[in-house]
Each structure stands twice: as C-alpha cells, then as structure tokens.
C-alpha cells in the first residue's frame, strides 16, 4: 500500500500578503462600523500566518 501524498499549501506567502493588503484597504473604508473589529482581527491573523 502506497503512502498518501503530502498535503500541499493552498495559499502562498505572496497570497497572504495580497489578501492582507486588500483587507487593510477595506478596513480603512469601514473603520467606524461595528464590522471593522472582525476585519481588524482577520488582518492580524493573516499577519501571523505569514510568519509561519
């Protein structure tokens, strides 16, 4: 029985950087709304993921 193939990353470091930049752009436009807290948290989580 062959061993299963190793999982490949779905997103690259460059993808995380681009998504994080897009989230920051959007966050600046909604900064005075209650929803901005969710996007701020997402922005920081994406930054943490880039460091891996």
N, C-alpha and C. Protein backbone atom coordinates (compact mmCIF):
# COMPACT_ATOMS: atom_id res chain seq x y z
N UNK A 1 0.84 -1.18 0.00
CA UNK A 1 0.00 0.00 0.00
C UNK A 1 0.89 1.25 0.00
N UNK A 2 0.68 2.13 -0.96
CA UNK A 2 1.48 3.35 -1.07
C UNK A 2 1.07 4.36 0.00
N UNK A 3 2.05 5.12 0.44
CA UNK A 3 1.75 6.16 1.44
C UNK A 3 1.03 7.32 0.75
N UNK A 4 0.14 8.00 1.49
CA UNK A 4 -0.58 9.14 0.89
C UNK A 4 0.41 10.28 0.59
N UNK A 5 0.08 11.04 -0.44
CA UNK A 5 0.92 12.17 -0.79
C UNK A 5 0.84 13.24 0.28
N UNK A 6 1.92 13.96 0.41
CA UNK A 6 1.98 15.04 1.39
C UNK A 6 1.07 16.19 0.95
N UNK A 7 0.38 16.79 1.89
CA UNK A 7 -0.52 17.91 1.57
C UNK A 7 0.29 19.11 1.09
N UNK A 8 -0.26 19.80 0.10
CA UNK A 8 0.38 20.99 -0.42
C UNK A 8 -0.33 22.22 0.12
N UNK A 9 0.43 23.29 0.28
CA UNK A 9 -0.15 24.54 0.75
C UNK A 9 -1.13 25.07 -0.30
N UNK A 10 -2.24 25.57 0.18
CA UNK A 10 -3.25 26.12 -0.73
C UNK A 10 -2.90 27.56 -1.10
N UNK A 11 -2.41 28.31 -0.13
CA UNK A 11 -2.05 29.71 -0.35
C UNK A 11 -0.56 29.91 -0.12
N UNK A 12 0.04 30.72 -0.95
CA UNK A 12 1.46 31.04 -0.79
C UNK A 12 1.61 32.24 0.15
N UNK A 13 2.84 32.50 0.53
CA UNK A 13 3.13 33.68 1.35
C UNK A 13 2.72 34.94 0.61
N UNK A 14 2.94 34.97 -0.69
CA UNK A 14 2.54 36.12 -1.50
C UNK A 14 1.02 36.29 -1.49
N UNK A 15 0.28 35.18 -1.51
CA UNK A 15 -1.19 35.25 -1.45
C UNK A 15 -1.63 35.89 -0.13
N UNK A 16 -1.01 35.47 0.97
CA UNK A 16 -1.37 36.04 2.27
C UNK A 16 -1.08 37.54 2.29
N UNK A 17 0.04 37.95 1.69
CA UNK A 17 0.39 39.37 1.66
C UNK A 17 -0.65 40.15 0.87
N UNK A 18 -1.07 39.63 -0.27
CA UNK A 18 -2.07 40.32 -1.09
C UNK A 18 -3.43 40.40 -0.40
N UNK A 19 -3.83 39.31 0.21
CA UNK A 19 -5.12 39.29 0.92
C UNK A 19 -5.07 40.25 2.10
N UNK A 20 -3.95 40.25 2.82
CA UNK A 20 -3.82 41.15 3.97
C UNK A 20 -3.89 42.61 3.52
N UNK A 21 -3.25 42.92 2.40
CA UNK A 21 -3.29 44.28 1.85
C UNK A 21 -4.72 44.67 1.46
N UNK A 22 -5.45 43.75 0.86
CA UNK A 22 -6.84 44.02 0.47
C UNK A 22 -7.72 44.23 1.70
N UNK A 23 -7.51 43.42 2.74
CA UNK A 23 -8.29 43.56 3.98
C UNK A 23 -8.00 44.92 4.61
N UNK A 24 -6.73 45.34 4.62
CA UNK A 24 -6.38 46.65 5.18
C UNK A 24 -7.05 47.77 4.41
N UNK A 25 -7.06 47.67 3.08
CA UNK A 25 -7.72 48.68 2.24
C UNK A 25 -9.20 48.79 2.61
N UNK A 26 -9.86 47.63 2.72
CA UNK A 26 -11.29 47.62 3.06
C UNK A 26 -11.51 48.12 4.49
N UNK A 27 -10.63 47.72 5.39
CA UNK A 27 -10.74 48.12 6.79
C UNK A 27 -10.71 49.64 6.95
N UNK A 28 -9.89 50.30 6.15
CA UNK A 28 -9.82 51.77 6.21
C UNK A 28 -11.13 52.42 5.78
N UNK A 29 -11.90 51.73 4.94
CA UNK A 29 -13.17 52.28 4.46
C UNK A 29 -14.33 52.00 5.41
N UNK A 30 -14.19 51.03 6.29
CA UNK A 30 -15.28 50.69 7.21
C UNK A 30 -14.88 50.89 8.68
N UNK A 31 -13.81 51.67 8.91
CA UNK A 31 -13.23 51.75 10.25
C UNK A 31 -14.19 52.22 11.34
N UNK A 32 -15.24 52.91 11.00
CA UNK A 32 -16.17 53.41 12.03
C UNK A 32 -17.42 52.55 12.17
N UNK A 33 -17.35 51.32 11.70
CA UNK A 33 -18.51 50.42 11.80
C UNK A 33 -18.20 49.28 12.76
N UNK A 34 -19.23 48.68 13.32
CA UNK A 34 -19.01 47.55 14.23
C UNK A 34 -18.31 46.36 13.52
N UNK A 35 -18.53 46.21 12.23
CA UNK A 35 -17.93 45.11 11.48
C UNK A 35 -16.41 45.25 11.37
N UNK A 36 -15.89 46.45 11.58
CA UNK A 36 -14.45 46.68 11.43
C UNK A 36 -13.63 45.84 12.41
N UNK A 37 -14.20 45.51 13.54
CA UNK A 37 -13.48 44.69 14.54
C UNK A 37 -13.16 43.31 13.95
N UNK A 38 -14.11 42.73 13.25
CA UNK A 38 -13.89 41.42 12.63
C UNK A 38 -12.78 41.48 11.59
N UNK A 39 -12.79 42.54 10.78
CA UNK A 39 -11.77 42.67 9.75
C UNK A 39 -10.40 43.00 10.35
N UNK A 40 -10.39 43.74 11.43
CA UNK A 40 -9.13 44.02 12.11
C UNK A 40 -8.52 42.73 12.65
N UNK A 41 -9.35 41.89 13.23
CA UNK A 41 -8.86 40.60 13.74
C UNK A 41 -8.35 39.72 12.60
N UNK A 42 -9.05 39.71 11.48
CA UNK A 42 -8.63 38.95 10.31
C UNK A 42 -7.29 39.47 9.81
N UNK A 43 -7.13 40.77 9.75
CA UNK A 43 -5.88 41.39 9.30
C UNK A 43 -4.71 40.91 10.14
N UNK A 44 -4.90 40.88 11.45
CA UNK A 44 -3.82 40.45 12.35
C UNK A 44 -3.57 38.94 12.24
N UNK A 45 -4.60 38.15 12.06
CA UNK A 45 -4.41 36.71 11.88
C UNK A 45 -3.65 36.41 10.60
N UNK A 46 -3.95 37.15 9.53
CA UNK A 46 -3.22 36.95 8.29
C UNK A 46 -1.75 37.31 8.46
N UNK A 47 -1.46 38.32 9.25
CA UNK A 47 -0.07 38.68 9.51
C UNK A 47 0.65 37.58 10.27
N UNK A 48 -0.05 36.96 11.20
CA UNK A 48 0.53 35.85 11.96
C UNK A 48 0.79 34.65 11.06
N UNK A 49 -0.11 34.41 10.12
CA UNK A 49 0.04 33.27 9.21
C UNK A 49 1.22 33.46 8.27
N UNK A 50 1.53 34.70 7.95
CA UNK A 50 2.66 34.98 7.05
C UNK A 50 3.98 34.60 7.70
N UNK A 51 4.04 34.67 9.02
CA UNK A 51 5.28 34.39 9.72
C UNK A 51 5.61 32.91 9.83
N UNK A 52 4.71 32.07 9.42
CA UNK A 52 4.93 30.62 9.55
C UNK A 52 5.85 30.08 8.50
